[in-house]
Amino acid sequence: MTTDIDDEDERQQMIGELNRLREEHRDLDAAIAAIESVGPADQLQVQRLKKRKLILKDRITFLEDKLTPDIIA
């Protein structure tokens, strides 16, 4: 399997980070849902959590792209 990553240690670190980011992303989903279900939500807090989710999603996508081998057709 050929990837952009040559060092197996680096690859394992990226996989670990990816798993941690995915978990944090899920936790933010739960936090946002909990805040919104309580009643009138603190919109500023919800906006901050959603912004953090977007940042995490960008990093997750970056890591997934680095870990996925390029397929030359």
Protein backbone atom coordinates (compact mmCIF):
# COMPACT_ATOMS: atom_id res chain seq x y z
CA MET A 1 0.00 0.00 0.00
CA THR A 2 1.53 3.28 -1.10
CA THR A 3 0.60 6.50 0.66
CA ASP A 4 1.97 10.01 0.98
CA ILE A 5 3.33 8.91 4.33
CA ASP A 6 6.56 6.90 4.33
CA ASP A 7 7.13 6.63 8.08
CA GLU A 8 4.89 4.09 9.84
CA ASP A 9 5.24 5.93 13.18
CA GLU A 10 3.99 9.12 11.57
CA ARG A 11 1.13 7.19 10.01
CA GLN A 12 0.12 5.75 13.39
CA GLN A 13 0.25 9.21 14.98
CA MET A 14 -2.02 10.57 12.25
CA ILE A 15 -4.48 7.70 12.76
CA GLY A 16 -4.51 8.41 16.49
CA GLU A 17 -5.14 12.11 15.90
CA LEU A 18 -7.86 11.27 13.39
CA ASN A 19 -9.65 9.05 15.90
CA ARG A 20 -9.39 11.71 18.61
CA LEU A 21 -10.74 14.41 16.27
CA ARG A 22 -13.66 12.23 15.19
CA GLU A 23 -14.55 11.62 18.83
CA GLU A 24 -14.36 15.33 19.64
CA HIS A 25 -16.54 16.07 16.59
CA ARG A 26 -19.19 13.60 17.86
CA ASP A 27 -18.97 15.11 21.35
CA LEU A 28 -19.61 18.57 19.92
CA ASP A 29 -22.69 17.24 18.10
CA ALA A 30 -24.00 15.92 21.40
CA ALA A 31 -23.19 19.17 23.22
CA ILE A 32 -24.95 21.29 20.60
CA ALA A 33 -28.01 19.04 20.67
CA ALA A 34 -28.10 19.18 24.48
CA ILE A 35 -27.85 22.97 24.54
CA GLU A 36 -30.56 23.37 21.93
CA SER A 37 -32.90 20.86 23.60
CA VAL A 38 -32.90 22.70 26.93
CA GLY A 39 -34.85 25.60 25.50
CA PRO A 40 -33.74 28.95 24.18
CA ALA A 41 -30.15 28.22 23.32
CA ASP A 42 -27.24 30.53 23.96
CA GLN A 43 -26.68 31.32 20.30
CA LEU A 44 -23.16 32.63 20.82
CA GLN A 45 -22.11 29.38 22.50
CA VAL A 46 -23.80 27.29 19.79
CA GLN A 47 -22.05 29.33 17.08
CA ARG A 48 -18.68 28.78 18.77
CA LEU A 49 -19.27 25.04 19.03
CA LYS A 50 -20.34 24.85 15.38
CA LYS A 51 -17.26 26.81 14.32
CA ARG A 52 -15.08 24.37 16.28
CA LYS A 53 -16.89 21.49 14.54
CA LEU A 54 -16.05 22.98 11.14
CA ILE A 55 -12.39 23.36 12.08
CA LEU A 56 -12.32 19.74 13.24
CA LYS A 57 -14.03 18.57 10.05
CA ASP A 58 -11.41 20.36 7.93
CA ARG A 59 -8.59 18.70 9.89
CA ILE A 60 -10.31 15.30 9.69
CA THR A 61 -10.65 15.66 5.91
CA PHE A 62 -6.99 16.68 5.61
CA LEU A 63 -5.81 13.66 7.61
CA GLU A 64 -8.09 11.26 5.71
CA ASP A 65 -6.68 12.57 2.43
CA LYS A 66 -3.11 12.12 3.67
CA LEU A 67 -3.81 8.57 4.83
CA THR A 68 -5.66 7.48 1.69
CA PRO A 69 -3.41 6.33 -1.14
CA ASP A 70 -3.63 8.14 -4.46
CA ILE A 71 -5.04 5.91 -7.17
CA ILE A 72 -3.69 6.56 -10.61
CA ALA A 73 -6.28 5.60 -13.19
